[in-house]
Amino acid sequence: MFLGGNQMQGKVEKTNHHLNGVKCIVNTCHYHTEGDYCNAAKIEVQPRNAQGSQETDCATFIPE
């Protein structure tokens, strides 16, 4: 569930390699690649005091 516009400050580099262990099915994200991988150099998941996965979102997301 997306809870707001909590994007990271500045754009993260898009690499040629996926983040090991990260599965991303958001195919409208700039960093999404075939096979449901994330090619961002790093990701940030927010907010700090979330109580469950439904309260979190990927702050690295940038619409394609």
C-alpha atoms as a PDB file:
ATOM      1  CA  MET A   1       0.000   0.000   0.000  1.00  0.00           C
ATOM      2  CA  PHE A   2       1.417   3.374  -1.001  1.00  0.00           C
ATOM      3  CA  LEU A   3       0.986   5.874   1.829  1.00  0.00           C
ATOM      4  CA  GLY A   4       2.211   9.068   0.215  1.00  0.00           C
ATOM      5  CA  GLY A   5       4.918  10.730  -1.817  1.00  0.00           C
ATOM      6  CA  ASN A   6       7.869   9.692   0.312  1.00  0.00           C
ATOM      7  CA  GLN A   7      10.529   9.527  -2.389  1.00  0.00           C
ATOM      8  CA  MET A   8      14.218   9.552  -1.525  1.00  0.00           C
ATOM      9  CA  GLN A   9      16.100  12.802  -1.934  1.00  0.00           C
ATOM     10  CA  GLY A  10      17.664  12.755  -5.412  1.00  0.00           C
ATOM     11  CA  LYS A  11      17.600  10.048  -8.025  1.00  0.00           C
ATOM     12  CA  VAL A  12      19.410   6.780  -7.328  1.00  0.00           C
ATOM     13  CA  GLU A  13      21.698   5.352 -10.009  1.00  0.00           C
ATOM     14  CA  LYS A  14      20.181   2.636 -12.210  1.00  0.00           C
ATOM     15  CA  THR A  15      22.743  -0.146 -12.611  1.00  0.00           C
ATOM     16  CA  ASN A  16      23.134  -3.049 -15.024  1.00  0.00           C
ATOM     17  CA  HIS A  17      22.831  -5.522 -12.140  1.00  0.00           C
ATOM     18  CA  HIS A  18      19.829  -6.359  -9.988  1.00  0.00           C
ATOM     19  CA  LEU A  19      19.821  -6.125  -6.215  1.00  0.00           C
ATOM     20  CA  ASN A  20      20.411  -9.635  -4.937  1.00  0.00           C
ATOM     21  CA  GLY A  21      17.482 -10.880  -2.892  1.00  0.00           C
ATOM     22  CA  VAL A  22      15.089  -8.081  -3.901  1.00  0.00           C
ATOM     23  CA  LYS A  23      11.979  -8.985  -5.874  1.00  0.00           C
ATOM     24  CA  CYS A  24      10.026  -6.084  -7.357  1.00  0.00           C
ATOM     25  CA  ILE A  25       6.829  -6.601  -9.328  1.00  0.00           C
ATOM     26  CA  VAL A  26       6.109  -2.878  -9.813  1.00  0.00           C
ATOM     27  CA  ASN A  27       6.580  -2.776 -13.580  1.00  0.00           C
ATOM     28  CA  THR A  28       5.835   0.958 -13.708  1.00  0.00           C
ATOM     29  CA  CYS A  29       9.016   1.800 -11.768  1.00  0.00           C
ATOM     30  CA  HIS A  30      12.095   3.244 -13.485  1.00  0.00           C
ATOM     31  CA  TYR A  31      14.287   0.604 -11.767  1.00  0.00           C
ATOM     32  CA  HIS A  32      12.149  -2.459 -12.610  1.00  0.00           C
ATOM     33  CA  THR A  33      13.689  -4.968 -15.026  1.00  0.00           C
ATOM     34  CA  GLU A  34      12.467  -8.136 -16.703  1.00  0.00           C
ATOM     35  CA  GLY A  35      12.158 -11.044 -14.305  1.00  0.00           C
ATOM     36  CA  ASP A  36      10.809  -8.798 -11.514  1.00  0.00           C
ATOM     37  CA  TYR A  37      14.188  -7.428 -10.472  1.00  0.00           C
ATOM     38  CA  CYS A  38      15.220  -4.039  -9.134  1.00  0.00           C
ATOM     39  CA  ASN A  39      18.241  -2.399 -10.757  1.00  0.00           C
ATOM     40  CA  ALA A  40      18.517   0.537  -8.353  1.00  0.00           C
ATOM     41  CA  ALA A  41      21.952   0.918  -6.768  1.00  0.00           C
ATOM     42  CA  LYS A  42      20.175   1.034  -3.394  1.00  0.00           C
ATOM     43  CA  ILE A  43      16.630   1.182  -2.067  1.00  0.00           C
ATOM     44  CA  GLU A  44      14.957   2.816   0.897  1.00  0.00           C
ATOM     45  CA  VAL A  45      11.836   1.356   2.503  1.00  0.00           C
ATOM     46  CA  GLN A  46       9.777   3.650   4.750  1.00  0.00           C
ATOM     47  CA  PRO A  47       8.449   4.595   7.309  1.00  0.00           C
ATOM     48  CA  ARG A  48      10.686   4.017  10.305  1.00  0.00           C
ATOM     49  CA  ASN A  49       8.062   2.792  12.802  1.00  0.00           C
ATOM     50  CA  ALA A  50       5.880   0.643  10.534  1.00  0.00           C
ATOM     51  CA  GLN A  51       3.908  -2.062  12.304  1.00  0.00           C
ATOM     52  CA  GLY A  52       3.298  -4.281   9.263  1.00  0.00           C
ATOM     53  CA  SER A  53       4.096  -4.676   5.576  1.00  0.00           C
ATOM     54  CA  GLN A  54       0.862  -2.888   4.574  1.00  0.00           C
ATOM     55  CA  GLU A  55       2.266   0.289   6.173  1.00  0.00           C
ATOM     56  CA  THR A  56       5.508   0.296   4.158  1.00  0.00           C
ATOM     57  CA  ASP A  57       6.476   1.639   0.756  1.00  0.00           C
ATOM     58  CA  CYS A  58       9.573   1.868  -1.422  1.00  0.00           C
ATOM     59  CA  ALA A  59      10.817   5.449  -1.276  1.00  0.00           C
ATOM     60  CA  THR A  60      13.149   4.732  -4.204  1.00  0.00           C
ATOM     61  CA  PHE A  61      10.213   4.329  -6.620  1.00  0.00           C
ATOM     62  CA  ILE A  62      10.209   6.672  -9.615  1.00  0.00           C
ATOM     63  CA  PRO A  63       7.449   6.315 -12.217  1.00  0.00           C
ATOM     64  CA  GLU A  64       8.679   5.189 -15.641  1.00  0.00           C
END
